[in-house]
Protein backbone atom coordinates (compact mmCIF):
# COMPACT_ATOMS: atom_id res chain seq x y z
CA MET A 1 4.68 26.18 -74.92
CA SER A 2 6.88 22.76 -73.36
CA VAL A 3 5.25 20.53 -70.79
CA PRO A 4 8.05 19.39 -68.09
CA PHE A 5 8.37 15.72 -67.92
CA SER A 6 7.13 14.18 -64.61
CA LEU A 7 7.73 11.11 -63.14
CA SER A 8 4.12 10.18 -63.41
CA LYS A 9 3.70 11.05 -67.31
CA LEU A 10 6.92 8.85 -67.94
CA ALA A 11 5.34 6.12 -65.59
CA ILE A 12 2.27 5.96 -67.86
CA LEU A 13 4.09 6.16 -71.16
CA LEU A 14 5.97 3.12 -70.41
CA PRO A 15 3.33 0.62 -70.95
CA LEU A 16 1.49 2.24 -73.46
CA LEU A 17 4.28 2.12 -75.57
CA GLN A 18 6.10 -1.03 -74.92
CA GLU A 19 7.04 -2.97 -78.39
CA HIS A 20 7.08 0.60 -80.08
CA GLU A 21 9.61 2.68 -81.35
CA TRP A 22 8.55 5.45 -78.96
CA GLN A 23 9.43 3.29 -76.39
CA LYS A 24 13.33 3.90 -76.26
CA PRO A 25 13.05 7.39 -76.24
CA VAL A 26 10.65 7.46 -73.19
CA GLU A 27 13.39 5.21 -71.19
CA ALA A 28 16.23 7.57 -72.16
CA GLU A 29 14.44 10.58 -70.79
CA LEU A 30 13.87 8.29 -67.77
CA LYS A 31 17.70 7.38 -67.49
CA ALA A 32 18.59 10.80 -68.40
CA ARG A 33 16.55 12.39 -65.58
CA GLY A 34 17.70 9.52 -63.17
CA TYR A 35 14.36 7.61 -62.75
CA ARG A 36 14.87 3.73 -62.34
CA TYR A 37 12.12 1.98 -63.15
CA ALA A 38 11.10 -1.74 -64.11
CA LEU A 39 8.65 -3.44 -66.69
CA GLY A 40 6.64 -6.57 -66.72
CA ARG A 41 3.63 -8.72 -67.87
CA VAL A 42 1.21 -10.59 -66.05
CA GLY A 43 -1.93 -12.08 -66.95
CA ALA A 44 -4.02 -13.39 -64.25
CA MET A 45 -7.93 -13.98 -62.62
CA ASP A 46 -6.01 -13.54 -59.53
CA LEU A 47 -5.59 -10.03 -57.99
CA MET A 48 -3.43 -11.35 -55.86
CA LYS A 49 -0.85 -12.61 -58.49
CA VAL A 50 -1.40 -9.15 -60.04
CA VAL A 51 0.00 -7.51 -56.58
CA ALA A 52 3.03 -10.07 -56.74
CA ALA A 53 4.32 -9.67 -60.11
CA VAL A 54 4.33 -5.73 -59.77
CA GLU A 55 6.37 -6.12 -56.14
CA THR A 56 8.76 -8.74 -57.46
CA ALA A 57 9.61 -6.97 -60.47
CA ALA A 58 9.95 -3.68 -58.16
CA LYS A 59 12.42 -5.45 -55.83
CA ARG A 60 14.12 -7.88 -58.60
CA HIS A 61 14.86 -4.02 -59.67
CA GLY A 62 15.95 -2.59 -56.56
CA LEU A 63 13.26 -0.21 -56.54
CA ILE A 64 12.22 -0.55 -53.09
CA ASP A 65 14.29 -1.89 -50.14
CA GLU A 66 12.13 -4.54 -49.41
CA GLU A 67 13.43 -4.34 -45.79
CA GLN A 68 12.09 -0.85 -45.38
CA TYR A 69 8.88 -0.98 -44.12
CA ARG A 70 7.68 2.28 -45.22
CA GLU A 71 9.17 1.56 -48.87
CA VAL A 72 7.48 -1.85 -49.19
CA HIS A 73 3.91 0.16 -47.95
CA ALA A 74 4.34 3.01 -50.77
CA LEU A 75 4.65 0.32 -53.40
CA TYR A 76 1.79 -1.68 -51.94
CA HIS A 77 -0.54 1.68 -52.24
CA ALA A 78 0.78 2.52 -55.52
CA ILE A 79 0.04 -0.75 -56.85
CA ILE A 80 -3.57 -1.46 -55.22
CA GLU A 81 -4.49 2.28 -56.31
CA ALA A 82 -3.76 1.53 -60.23
CA ILE A 83 -5.66 -1.59 -59.71
CA GLN A 84 -9.07 0.46 -58.71
CA GLY A 85 -8.37 2.06 -61.91
CA ILE A 86 -8.04 -0.82 -63.74
CA GLY A 87 -11.23 -2.87 -62.53
CA ARG A 88 -12.91 0.49 -61.90
CA GLY A 89 -13.08 0.61 -58.30
CA THR A 90 -13.62 -3.26 -57.60
CA MET A 91 -11.06 -5.17 -56.48
CA GLN A 92 -12.18 -8.31 -57.74
CA PHE A 93 -11.45 -10.40 -60.72
CA GLY A 94 -11.54 -14.14 -60.88
CA GLU A 95 -14.69 -14.58 -58.87
CA ILE A 96 -16.49 -11.84 -60.61
CA LEU A 97 -15.57 -13.88 -64.00
CA ARG A 98 -12.73 -11.42 -65.16
CA THR A 99 -8.97 -11.77 -66.26
CA VAL A 100 -6.72 -9.49 -67.13
CA GLY A 101 -3.58 -9.23 -69.45
CA LEU A 102 -1.59 -6.62 -68.19
CA THR A 103 1.91 -4.83 -69.00
CA PHE A 104 3.06 -3.17 -66.19
CA ALA A 105 5.47 -0.21 -65.29
CA VAL A 106 6.91 0.70 -61.91
CA VAL A 107 9.16 4.01 -61.31
CA ARG A 108 10.52 5.54 -58.62
CA GLY A 109 12.42 9.24 -57.99
CA PRO A 110 11.69 12.94 -57.67
CA LEU A 111 7.92 13.83 -58.96
CA PHE A 112 10.13 16.30 -61.13
CA GLU A 113 13.40 16.29 -62.10
CA GLU A 114 13.62 20.06 -60.41
CA SER A 115 11.54 19.24 -56.85
CA VAL A 116 13.28 20.79 -53.86
CA GLU A 117 11.05 18.58 -51.59
CA PRO A 118 13.16 15.67 -50.59
CA GLY A 119 12.42 12.07 -51.23
CA ASP A 120 11.25 9.67 -53.25
CA TRP A 121 8.09 8.70 -55.25
CA VAL A 122 6.84 5.19 -56.89
CA ALA A 123 4.67 5.16 -59.10
CA VAL A 124 2.55 1.98 -61.01
CA CYS A 125 0.96 1.83 -64.10
CA LEU A 126 -1.20 -0.59 -65.73
CA TYR A 127 -2.21 -1.11 -69.20
CA GLY A 128 -4.02 -3.89 -70.87
CA THR A 129 -7.09 -5.80 -71.05
CA ILE A 130 -9.69 -6.80 -68.81
CA GLY A 131 -12.89 -8.89 -69.64
CA ALA A 132 -14.80 -12.14 -69.15
CA PRO A 133 -12.23 -14.89 -69.94
CA LYS A 134 -12.72 -15.58 -73.79
CA LYS A 135 -11.16 -14.04 -76.48
CA GLY A 136 -13.26 -11.00 -77.68
CA PHE A 137 -14.56 -10.29 -74.62
CA GLU A 138 -12.05 -8.09 -73.13
CA HIS A 139 -11.26 -4.51 -73.25
CA GLU A 140 -8.78 -1.91 -73.17
CA VAL A 141 -7.63 -0.58 -69.54
CA LEU A 142 -5.23 2.01 -67.90
CA GLY A 143 -5.00 2.50 -64.07
CA PHE A 144 -2.16 4.80 -62.20
CA GLY A 145 -1.24 4.94 -58.68
CA ILE A 146 1.88 6.99 -56.90
CA ASN A 147 2.56 6.83 -53.57
CA HIS A 148 5.45 9.05 -51.94
CA ILE A 149 8.41 6.67 -50.02
């Protein structure tokens, strides 16, 4: 039985497979299905630096129109949802001596290739490490957020 790819599944695979040979087929699948995406990295103890890095990548790659409030707002909510996932609901890093090193993906398009519902969605996936700002005191994390535009 074949499980169809979706915007969400492909958005999750991108940061997990960064620098792995399987990344290229995922990117080819995204392009074949007409999805637009951006990849990036951020390391910080400041939550706003993570938000800014993801937002900047989305804008630079033309995934959102920064003049359209609903697009910026949708992206913001997807980012916050993903951060809540990696922070286990806590939206603090540096204030409680935690730092993150993340690879992220932002993907825009219909939920499914065959969607009959009009409009795009934006998904954000964060993958990397979180922990005390000392080498060896971190662990892997994965956060995902999605919102309609």
